[in-house]
Amino acid sequence: MKIDELYETVVPSEVDPLDSVTETAASGLAILAERVEQLVQFCERLLQENQNLREQRRELQAKCEQLHEKNELSRSRIEAMVVRLKSLEQTP
């Protein structure tokens, strides 16, 4: 048996506890980094969705105002027609 082979069989049995702590910390940091990245992506999606919803709201408000204006115009036209019809009824 060569000395290298002997060393290879002895070293794995002698595990340094700091290695596992370092490995655990590194994997914990990797998990944390992944979660932070997921949160960043989620926030970006929420910001985009919020921007889209604000734009939709502005469009709907503009449409509502247009419909309100049309409604008021129709009401005034109908009132004018009613006044004309009443005046036609009163003329001999």
PDB file of N, CA and C in Angstrom:
ATOM      1  N   MET A   1       0.847  -1.163   0.000  1.00  0.00           N
ATOM      2  CA  MET A   1       0.000   0.000   0.000  1.00  0.00           C
ATOM      3  C   MET A   1       0.894   1.228   0.000  1.00  0.00           C
ATOM      4  N   LYS A   2       0.536   2.170  -0.845  1.00  0.00           N
ATOM      5  CA  LYS A   2       1.320   3.390  -0.916  1.00  0.00           C
ATOM      6  C   LYS A   2       0.872   4.343   0.187  1.00  0.00           C
ATOM      7  N   ILE A   3       1.698   5.306   0.477  1.00  0.00           N
ATOM      8  CA  ILE A   3       1.392   6.279   1.519  1.00  0.00           C
ATOM      9  C   ILE A   3       0.190   7.135   1.118  1.00  0.00           C
ATOM     10  N   ASP A   4       0.090   7.485  -0.152  1.00  0.00           N
ATOM     11  CA  ASP A   4      -1.043   8.297  -0.618  1.00  0.00           C
ATOM     12  C   ASP A   4      -2.364   7.577  -0.405  1.00  0.00           C
ATOM     13  N   GLU A   5      -2.399   6.294  -0.684  1.00  0.00           N
ATOM     14  CA  GLU A   5      -3.621   5.529  -0.488  1.00  0.00           C
ATOM     15  C   GLU A   5      -4.003   5.485   0.978  1.00  0.00           C
ATOM     16  N   LEU A   6      -3.019   5.328   1.841  1.00  0.00           N
ATOM     17  CA  LEU A   6      -3.269   5.310   3.267  1.00  0.00           C
ATOM     18  C   LEU A   6      -3.821   6.659   3.723  1.00  0.00           C
ATOM     19  N   TYR A   7      -3.245   7.728   3.247  1.00  0.00           N
ATOM     20  CA  TYR A   7      -3.698   9.066   3.629  1.00  0.00           C
ATOM     21  C   TYR A   7      -5.138   9.308   3.162  1.00  0.00           C
ATOM     22  N   GLU A   8      -5.458   8.822   1.942  1.00  0.00           N
ATOM     23  CA  GLU A   8      -6.818   8.994   1.410  1.00  0.00           C
ATOM     24  C   GLU A   8      -7.843   8.278   2.273  1.00  0.00           C
ATOM     25  N   THR A   9      -7.499   7.131   2.824  1.00  0.00           N
ATOM     26  CA  THR A   9      -8.454   6.410   3.653  1.00  0.00           C
ATOM     27  C   THR A   9      -8.572   7.013   5.044  1.00  0.00           C
ATOM     28  N   VAL A  10      -7.532   7.670   5.524  1.00  0.00           N
ATOM     29  CA  VAL A  10      -7.572   8.235   6.861  1.00  0.00           C
ATOM     30  C   VAL A  10      -8.263   9.595   6.864  1.00  0.00           C
ATOM     31  N   VAL A  11      -8.001  10.439   5.903  1.00  0.00           N
ATOM     32  CA  VAL A  11      -8.507  11.812   5.904  1.00  0.00           C
ATOM     33  C   VAL A  11     -10.032  11.889   5.885  1.00  0.00           C
ATOM     34  N   PRO A  12     -10.736  11.118   5.063  1.00  0.00           N
ATOM     35  CA  PRO A  12     -12.183  11.248   5.083  1.00  0.00           C
ATOM     36  C   PRO A  12     -12.805  10.927   6.430  1.00  0.00           C
ATOM     37  N   SER A  13     -12.204  10.043   7.209  1.00  0.00           N
ATOM     38  CA  SER A  13     -12.778   9.728   8.508  1.00  0.00           C
ATOM     39  C   SER A  13     -12.562  10.861   9.499  1.00  0.00           C
ATOM     40  N   GLU A  14     -11.574  11.675   9.288  1.00  0.00           N
ATOM     41  CA  GLU A  14     -11.311  12.826  10.145  1.00  0.00           C
ATOM     42  C   GLU A  14     -11.956  14.067   9.523  1.00  0.00           C
ATOM     43  N   VAL A  15     -13.211  14.274   9.799  1.00  0.00           N
ATOM     44  CA  VAL A  15     -13.938  15.397   9.217  1.00  0.00           C
ATOM     45  C   VAL A  15     -13.801  16.598  10.134  1.00  0.00           C
ATOM     46  N   ASP A  16     -13.439  17.704   9.535  1.00  0.00           N
ATOM     47  CA  ASP A  16     -13.313  18.951  10.298  1.00  0.00           C
ATOM     48  C   ASP A  16     -14.707  19.546  10.489  1.00  0.00           C
ATOM     49  N   PRO A  17     -15.145  19.779  11.721  1.00  0.00           N
ATOM     50  CA  PRO A  17     -16.490  20.324  11.945  1.00  0.00           C
ATOM     51  C   PRO A  17     -16.673  21.707  11.353  1.00  0.00           C
ATOM     52  N   LEU A  18     -15.614  22.463  11.201  1.00  0.00           N
ATOM     53  CA  LEU A  18     -15.732  23.793  10.601  1.00  0.00           C
ATOM     54  C   LEU A  18     -16.105  23.719   9.126  1.00  0.00           C
ATOM     55  N   ASP A  19     -15.672  22.613   8.466  1.00  0.00           N
ATOM     56  CA  ASP A  19     -16.036  22.439   7.062  1.00  0.00           C
ATOM     57  C   ASP A  19     -17.552  22.330   6.905  1.00  0.00           C
ATOM     58  N   SER A  20     -18.205  21.578   7.771  1.00  0.00           N
ATOM     59  CA  SER A  20     -19.654  21.424   7.658  1.00  0.00           C
ATOM     60  C   SER A  20     -20.368  22.732   8.003  1.00  0.00           C
ATOM     61  N   VAL A  21     -19.830  23.495   8.965  1.00  0.00           N
ATOM     62  CA  VAL A  21     -20.429  24.791   9.306  1.00  0.00           C
ATOM     63  C   VAL A  21     -20.296  25.741   8.136  1.00  0.00           C
ATOM     64  N   THR A  22     -19.119  25.762   7.521  1.00  0.00           N
ATOM     65  CA  THR A  22     -18.892  26.626   6.366  1.00  0.00           C
ATOM     66  C   THR A  22     -19.803  26.226   5.217  1.00  0.00           C
ATOM     67  N   GLU A  23     -19.921  24.899   5.006  1.00  0.00           N
ATOM     68  CA  GLU A  23     -20.787  24.403   3.940  1.00  0.00           C
ATOM     69  C   GLU A  23     -22.247  24.751   4.215  1.00  0.00           C
ATOM     70  N   THR A  24     -22.679  24.610   5.467  1.00  0.00           N
ATOM     71  CA  THR A  24     -24.051  24.942   5.838  1.00  0.00           C
ATOM     72  C   THR A  24     -24.307  26.429   5.665  1.00  0.00           C
ATOM     73  N   ALA A  25     -23.354  27.249   6.069  1.00  0.00           N
ATOM     74  CA  ALA A  25     -23.505  28.700   5.916  1.00  0.00           C
ATOM     75  C   ALA A  25     -23.576  29.076   4.441  1.00  0.00           C
ATOM     76  N   ALA A  26     -22.734  28.438   3.629  1.00  0.00           N
ATOM     77  CA  ALA A  26     -22.727  28.728   2.196  1.00  0.00           C
ATOM     78  C   ALA A  26     -24.048  28.317   1.563  1.00  0.00           C
ATOM     79  N   SER A  27     -24.561  27.158   1.930  1.00  0.00           N
ATOM     80  CA  SER A  27     -25.831  26.722   1.353  1.00  0.00           C
ATOM     81  C   SER A  27     -26.970  27.596   1.863  1.00  0.00           C
ATOM     82  N   GLY A  28     -26.877  28.028   3.133  1.00  0.00           N
ATOM     83  CA  GLY A  28     -27.884  28.945   3.670  1.00  0.00           C
ATOM     84  C   GLY A  28     -27.880  30.272   2.935  1.00  0.00           C
ATOM     85  N   LEU A  29     -26.686  30.773   2.644  1.00  0.00           N
ATOM     86  CA  LEU A  29     -26.581  32.023   1.879  1.00  0.00           C
ATOM     87  C   LEU A  29     -27.120  31.854   0.459  1.00  0.00           C
ATOM     88  N   ALA A  30     -26.854  30.697  -0.135  1.00  0.00           N
ATOM     89  CA  ALA A  30     -27.356  30.440  -1.484  1.00  0.00           C
ATOM     90  C   ALA A  30     -28.889  30.410  -1.486  1.00  0.00           C
ATOM     91  N   ILE A  31     -29.461  29.770  -0.471  1.00  0.00           N
ATOM     92  CA  ILE A  31     -30.930  29.723  -0.361  1.00  0.00           C
ATOM     93  C   ILE A  31     -31.482  31.117  -0.146  1.00  0.00           C
ATOM     94  N   LEU A  32     -30.838  31.888   0.718  1.00  0.00           N
ATOM     95  CA  LEU A  32     -31.270  33.253   0.986  1.00  0.00           C
ATOM     96  C   LEU A  32     -31.175  34.113  -0.275  1.00  0.00           C
ATOM     97  N   ALA A  33     -30.087  33.971  -1.012  1.00  0.00           N
ATOM     98  CA  ALA A  33     -29.913  34.729  -2.249  1.00  0.00           C
ATOM     99  C   ALA A  33     -31.005  34.379  -3.257  1.00  0.00           C
ATOM    100  N   GLU A  34     -31.347  33.107  -3.342  1.00  0.00           N
ATOM    101  CA  GLU A  34     -32.412  32.668  -4.257  1.00  0.00           C
ATOM    102  C   GLU A  34     -33.755  33.267  -3.843  1.00  0.00           C
ATOM    103  N   ARG A  35     -34.028  33.257  -2.549  1.00  0.00           N
ATOM    104  CA  ARG A  35     -35.288  33.822  -2.064  1.00  0.00           C
ATOM    105  C   ARG A  35     -35.358  35.327  -2.300  1.00  0.00           C
ATOM    106  N   VAL A  36     -34.240  36.009  -2.097  1.00  0.00           N
ATOM    107  CA  VAL A  36     -34.197  37.447  -2.362  1.00  0.00           C
ATOM    108  C   VAL A  36     -34.456  37.709  -3.843  1.00  0.00           C
ATOM    109  N   GLU A  37     -33.852  36.910  -4.691  1.00  0.00           N
ATOM    110  CA  GLU A  37     -34.070  37.066  -6.137  1.00  0.00           C
ATOM    111  C   GLU A  37     -35.538  36.824  -6.494  1.00  0.00           C
ATOM    112  N   GLN A  38     -36.149  35.825  -5.883  1.00  0.00           N
ATOM    113  CA  GLN A  38     -37.566  35.561  -6.124  1.00  0.00           C
ATOM    114  C   GLN A  38     -38.422  36.735  -5.662  1.00  0.00           C
ATOM    115  N   LEU A  39     -38.070  37.312  -4.507  1.00  0.00           N
ATOM    116  CA  LEU A  39     -38.809  38.478  -4.015  1.00  0.00           C
ATOM    117  C   LEU A  39     -38.660  39.675  -4.949  1.00  0.00           C
ATOM    118  N   VAL A  40     -37.466  39.872  -5.465  1.00  0.00           N
ATOM    119  CA  VAL A  40     -37.236  40.971  -6.406  1.00  0.00           C
ATOM    120  C   VAL A  40     -38.093  40.772  -7.651  1.00  0.00           C
ATOM    121  N   GLN A  41     -38.109  39.571  -8.188  1.00  0.00           N
ATOM    122  CA  GLN A  41     -38.921  39.286  -9.372  1.00  0.00           C
ATOM    123  C   GLN A  41     -40.403  39.465  -9.066  1.00  0.00           C
ATOM    124  N   PHE A  42     -40.836  39.030  -7.891  1.00  0.00           N
ATOM    125  CA  PHE A  42     -42.238  39.190  -7.498  1.00  0.00           C
ATOM    126  C   PHE A  42     -42.595  40.670  -7.393  1.00  0.00           C
ATOM    127  N   CYS A  43     -41.720  41.452  -6.784  1.00  0.00           N
ATOM    128  CA  CYS A  43     -41.966  42.898  -6.677  1.00  0.00           C
ATOM    129  C   CYS A  43     -42.023  43.556  -8.055  1.00  0.00           C
ATOM    130  N   GLU A  44     -41.160  43.140  -8.964  1.00  0.00           N
ATOM    131  CA  GLU A  44     -41.185  43.692 -10.321  1.00  0.00           C
ATOM    132  C   GLU A  44     -42.504  43.360 -11.011  1.00  0.00           C
ATOM    133  N   ARG A  45     -42.977  42.123 -10.827  1.00  0.00           N
ATOM    134  CA  ARG A  45     -44.264  41.741 -11.421  1.00  0.00           C
ATOM    135  C   ARG A  45     -45.398  42.562 -10.819  1.00  0.00           C
ATOM    136  N   LEU A  46     -45.359  42.759  -9.506  1.00  0.00           N
ATOM    137  CA  LEU A  46     -46.401  43.550  -8.851  1.00  0.00           C
ATOM    138  C   LEU A  46     -46.375  45.001  -9.315  1.00  0.00           C
ATOM    139  N   LEU A  47     -45.193  45.558  -9.475  1.00  0.00           N
ATOM    140  CA  LEU A  47     -45.089  46.927  -9.971  1.00  0.00           C
ATOM    141  C   LEU A  47     -45.658  47.054 -11.379  1.00  0.00           C
ATOM    142  N   GLN A  48     -45.337  46.094 -12.224  1.00  0.00           N
ATOM    143  CA  GLN A  48     -45.860  46.117 -13.593  1.00  0.00           C
ATOM    144  C   GLN A  48     -47.375  45.963 -13.595  1.00  0.00           C
ATOM    145  N   GLU A  49     -47.879  45.033 -12.786  1.00  0.00           N
ATOM    146  CA  GLU A  49     -49.321  44.828 -12.704  1.00  0.00           C
ATOM    147  C   GLU A  49     -50.011  46.079 -12.166  1.00  0.00           C
ATOM    148  N   ASN A  50     -49.414  46.705 -11.176  1.00  0.00           N
ATOM    149  CA  ASN A  50     -49.971  47.923 -10.606  1.00  0.00           C
ATOM    150  C   ASN A  50     -50.011  49.032 -11.658  1.00  0.00           C
ATOM    151  N   GLN A  51     -48.945  49.150 -12.420  1.00  0.00           N
ATOM    152  CA  GLN A  51     -48.908  50.157 -13.482  1.00  0.00           C
ATOM    153  C   GLN A  51     -49.994  49.880 -14.527  1.00  0.00           C
ATOM    154  N   ASN A  52     -50.170  48.625 -14.904  1.00  0.00           N
ATOM    155  CA  ASN A  52     -51.213  48.265 -15.866  1.00  0.00           C
ATOM    156  C   ASN A  52     -52.603  48.575 -15.316  1.00  0.00           C
ATOM    157  N   LEU A  53     -52.814  48.266 -14.040  1.00  0.00           N
ATOM    158  CA  LEU A  53     -54.119  48.538 -13.435  1.00  0.00           C
ATOM    159  C   LEU A  53     -54.399  50.041 -13.354  1.00  0.00           C
ATOM    160  N   ARG A  54     -53.380  50.822 -13.055  1.00  0.00           N
ATOM    161  CA  ARG A  54     -53.561  52.282 -13.032  1.00  0.00           C
ATOM    162  C   ARG A  54     -53.935  52.808 -14.413  1.00  0.00           C
ATOM    163  N   GLU A  55     -53.282  52.281 -15.429  1.00  0.00           N
ATOM    164  CA  GLU A  55     -53.590  52.700 -16.801  1.00  0.00           C
ATOM    165  C   GLU A  55     -55.020  52.300 -17.167  1.00  0.00           C
ATOM    166  N   GLN A  56     -55.424  51.092 -16.811  1.00  0.00           N
ATOM    167  CA  GLN A  56     -56.796  50.658 -17.076  1.00  0.00           C
ATOM    168  C   GLN A  56     -57.799  51.556 -16.361  1.00  0.00           C
ATOM    169  N   ARG A  57     -57.471  51.911 -15.114  1.00  0.00           N
ATOM    170  CA  ARG A  57     -58.364  52.786 -14.354  1.00  0.00           C
ATOM    171  C   ARG A  57     -58.498  54.143 -15.032  1.00  0.00           C
ATOM    172  N   ARG A  58     -57.381  54.708 -15.514  1.00  0.00           N
ATOM    173  CA  ARG A  58     -57.441  55.997 -16.218  1.00  0.00           C
ATOM    174  C   ARG A  58     -58.303  55.891 -17.470  1.00  0.00           C
ATOM    175  N   GLU A  59     -58.135  54.800 -18.212  1.00  0.00           N
ATOM    176  CA  GLU A  59     -58.927  54.600 -19.429  1.00  0.00           C
ATOM    177  C   GLU A  59     -60.411  54.473 -19.092  1.00  0.00           C
ATOM    178  N   LEU A  60     -60.718  53.709 -18.037  1.00  0.00           N
ATOM    179  CA  LEU A  60     -62.118  53.538 -17.641  1.00  0.00           C
ATOM    180  C   LEU A  60     -62.727  54.849 -17.133  1.00  0.00           C
ATOM    181  N   GLN A  61     -61.942  55.639 -16.428  1.00  0.00           N
ATOM    182  CA  GLN A  61     -62.450  56.931 -15.960  1.00  0.00           C
ATOM    183  C   GLN A  61     -62.745  57.847 -17.138  1.00  0.00           C
ATOM    184  N   ALA A  62     -61.862  57.854 -18.130  1.00  0.00           N
ATOM    185  CA  ALA A  62     -62.082  58.676 -19.322  1.00  0.00           C
ATOM    186  C   ALA A  62     -63.343  58.215 -20.057  1.00  0.00           C
ATOM    187  N   LYS A  63     -63.514  56.908 -20.183  1.00  0.00           N
ATOM    188  CA  LYS A  63     -64.699  56.367 -20.853  1.00  0.00           C
ATOM    189  C   LYS A  63     -65.958  56.725 -20.068  1.00  0.00           C
ATOM    190  N   CYS A  64     -65.885  56.636 -18.745  1.00  0.00           N
ATOM    191  CA  CYS A  64     -67.022  56.977 -17.895  1.00  0.00           C
ATOM    192  C   CYS A  64     -67.390  58.453 -18.076  1.00  0.00           C
ATOM    193  N   GLU A  65     -66.390  59.315 -18.128  1.00  0.00           N
ATOM    194  CA  GLU A  65     -66.652  60.744 -18.339  1.00  0.00           C
ATOM    195  C   GLU A  65     -67.307  60.988 -19.692  1.00  0.00           C
ATOM    196  N   GLN A  66     -66.840  60.284 -20.726  1.00  0.00           N
ATOM    197  CA  GLN A  66     -67.449  60.420 -22.055  1.00  0.00           C
ATOM    198  C   GLN A  66     -68.908  59.986 -22.019  1.00  0.00           C
ATOM    199  N   LEU A  67     -69.176  58.865 -21.365  1.00  0.00           N
ATOM    200  CA  LEU A  67     -70.557  58.386 -21.276  1.00  0.00           C
ATOM    201  C   LEU A  67     -71.429  59.348 -20.474  1.00  0.00           C
ATOM    202  N   HIS A  68     -70.866  59.933 -19.430  1.00  0.00           N
ATOM    203  CA  HIS A  68     -71.614  60.901 -18.644  1.00  0.00           C
ATOM    204  C   HIS A  68     -71.960  62.131 -19.489  1.00  0.00           C
ATOM    205  N   GLU A  69     -71.002  62.594 -20.274  1.00  0.00           N
ATOM    206  CA  GLU A  69     -71.254  63.730 -21.165  1.00  0.00           C
ATOM    207  C   GLU A  69     -72.333  63.394 -22.187  1.00  0.00           C
ATOM    208  N   LYS A  70     -72.271  62.201 -22.777  1.00  0.00           N
ATOM    209  CA  LYS A  70     -73.301  61.786 -23.738  1.00  0.00           C
ATOM    210  C   LYS A  70     -74.665  61.716 -23.064  1.00  0.00           C
ATOM    211  N   ASN A  71     -74.702  61.217 -21.843  1.00  0.00           N
ATOM    212  CA  ASN A  71     -75.946  61.114 -21.101  1.00  0.00           C
ATOM    213  C   ASN A  71     -76.538  62.507 -20.851  1.00  0.00           C
ATOM    214  N   GLU A  72     -75.698  63.439 -20.448  1.00  0.00           N
ATOM    215  CA  GLU A  72     -76.165  64.810 -20.217  1.00  0.00           C
ATOM    216  C   GLU A  72     -76.661  65.448 -21.507  1.00  0.00           C
ATOM    217  N   LEU A  73     -75.974  65.229 -22.600  1.00  0.00           N
ATOM    218  CA  LEU A  73     -76.408  65.764 -23.898  1.00  0.00           C
ATOM    219  C   LEU A  73     -77.753  65.169 -24.294  1.00  0.00           C
ATOM    220  N   SER A  74     -77.914  63.870 -24.115  1.00  0.00           N
ATOM    221  CA  SER A  74     -79.189  63.224 -24.442  1.00  0.00           C
ATOM    222  C   SER A  74     -80.307  63.765 -23.551  1.00  0.00           C
ATOM    223  N   ARG A  75     -80.030  63.949 -22.280  1.00  0.00           N
ATOM    224  CA  ARG A  75     -81.033  64.480 -21.371  1.00  0.00           C
ATOM    225  C   ARG A  75     -81.483  65.887 -21.795  1.00  0.00           C
ATOM    226  N   SER A  76     -80.522  66.716 -22.150  1.00  0.00           N
ATOM    227  CA  SER A  76     -80.886  68.075 -22.564  1.00  0.00           C
ATOM    228  C   SER A  76     -81.670  68.061 -23.872  1.00  0.00           C
ATOM    229  N   ARG A  77     -81.342  67.182 -24.790  1.00  0.00           N
ATOM    230  CA  ARG A  77     -82.097  67.078 -26.046  1.00  0.00           C
ATOM    231  C   ARG A  77     -83.528  66.604 -25.777  1.00  0.00           C
ATOM    232  N   ILE A  78     -83.665  65.613 -24.900  1.00  0.00           N
ATOM    233  CA  ILE A  78     -85.005  65.107 -24.571  1.00  0.00           C
ATOM    234  C   ILE A  78     -85.824  66.188 -23.889  1.00  0.00           C
ATOM    235  N   GLU A  79     -85.210  66.913 -22.964  1.00  0.00           N
ATOM    236  CA  GLU A  79     -85.926  67.999 -22.296  1.00  0.00           C
ATOM    237  C   GLU A  79     -86.353  69.069 -23.301  1.00  0.00           C
ATOM    238  N   ALA A  80     -85.492  69.373 -24.256  1.00  0.00           N
ATOM    239  CA  ALA A  80     -85.846  70.349 -25.294  1.00  0.00           C
ATOM    240  C   ALA A  80     -87.007  69.832 -26.136  1.00  0.00           C
ATOM    241  N   MET A  81     -87.015  68.546 -26.450  1.00  0.00           N
ATOM    242  CA  MET A  81     -88.124  67.972 -27.235  1.00  0.00           C
ATOM    243  C   MET A  81     -89.421  68.031 -26.443  1.00  0.00           C
ATOM    244  N   VAL A  82     -89.361  67.732 -25.162  1.00  0.00           N
ATOM    245  CA  VAL A  82     -90.555  67.782 -24.320  1.00  0.00           C
ATOM    246  C   VAL A  82     -91.113  69.210 -24.293  1.00  0.00           C
ATOM    247  N   VAL A  83     -90.248  70.180 -24.158  1.00  0.00           N
ATOM    248  CA  VAL A  83     -90.689  71.581 -24.147  1.00  0.00           C
ATOM    249  C   VAL A  83     -91.339  71.931 -25.485  1.00  0.00           C
ATOM    250  N   ARG A  84     -90.746  71.522 -26.591  1.00  0.00           N
ATOM    251  CA  ARG A  84     -91.337  71.806 -27.915  1.00  0.00           C
ATOM    252  C   ARG A  84     -92.683  71.111 -28.079  1.00  0.00           C
ATOM    253  N   LEU A  85     -92.763  69.860 -27.611  1.00  0.00           N
ATOM    254  CA  LEU A  85     -94.047  69.139 -27.733  1.00  0.00           C
ATOM    255  C   LEU A  85     -95.143  69.825 -26.893  1.00  0.00           C
ATOM    256  N   LYS A  86     -94.790  70.254 -25.703  1.00  0.00           N
ATOM    257  CA  LYS A  86     -95.772  70.950 -24.880  1.00  0.00           C
ATOM    258  C   LYS A  86     -96.207  72.256 -25.522  1.00  0.00           C
ATOM    259  N   SER A  87     -95.251  72.942 -26.141  1.00  0.00           N
ATOM    260  CA  SER A  87     -95.618  74.211 -26.806  1.00  0.00           C
ATOM    261  C   SER A  87     -96.482  73.945 -28.034  1.00  0.00           C
ATOM    262  N   LEU A  88     -96.284  72.808 -28.718  1.00  0.00           N
ATOM    263  CA  LEU A  88     -97.132  72.456 -29.862  1.00  0.00           C
ATOM    264  C   LEU A  88     -98.543  72.121 -29.384  1.00  0.00           C
ATOM    265  N   GLU A  89     -98.663  71.499 -28.244  1.00  0.00           N
ATOM    266  CA  GLU A  89     -99.976  71.155 -27.713  1.00  0.00           C
ATOM    267  C   GLU A  89    -100.754  72.407 -27.339  1.00  0.00           C
ATOM    268  N   GLN A  90    -100.081  73.421 -26.896  1.00  0.00           N
ATOM    269  CA  GLN A  90    -100.741  74.634 -26.413  1.00  0.00           C
ATOM    270  C   GLN A  90    -101.117  75.582 -27.555  1.00  0.00           C
ATOM    271  N   THR A  91    -100.534  75.464 -28.693  1.00  0.00           N
ATOM    272  CA  THR A  91    -100.896  76.334 -29.833  1.00  0.00           C
ATOM    273  C   THR A  91    -102.144  75.824 -30.502  1.00  0.00           C
ATOM    274  N   PRO A  92    -103.038  76.789 -30.839  1.00  0.00           N
ATOM    275  CA  PRO A  92    -104.306  76.368 -31.471  1.00  0.00           C
ATOM    276  C   PRO A  92    -104.174  75.945 -32.890  1.00  0.00           C
TER     277      PRO A  92
END
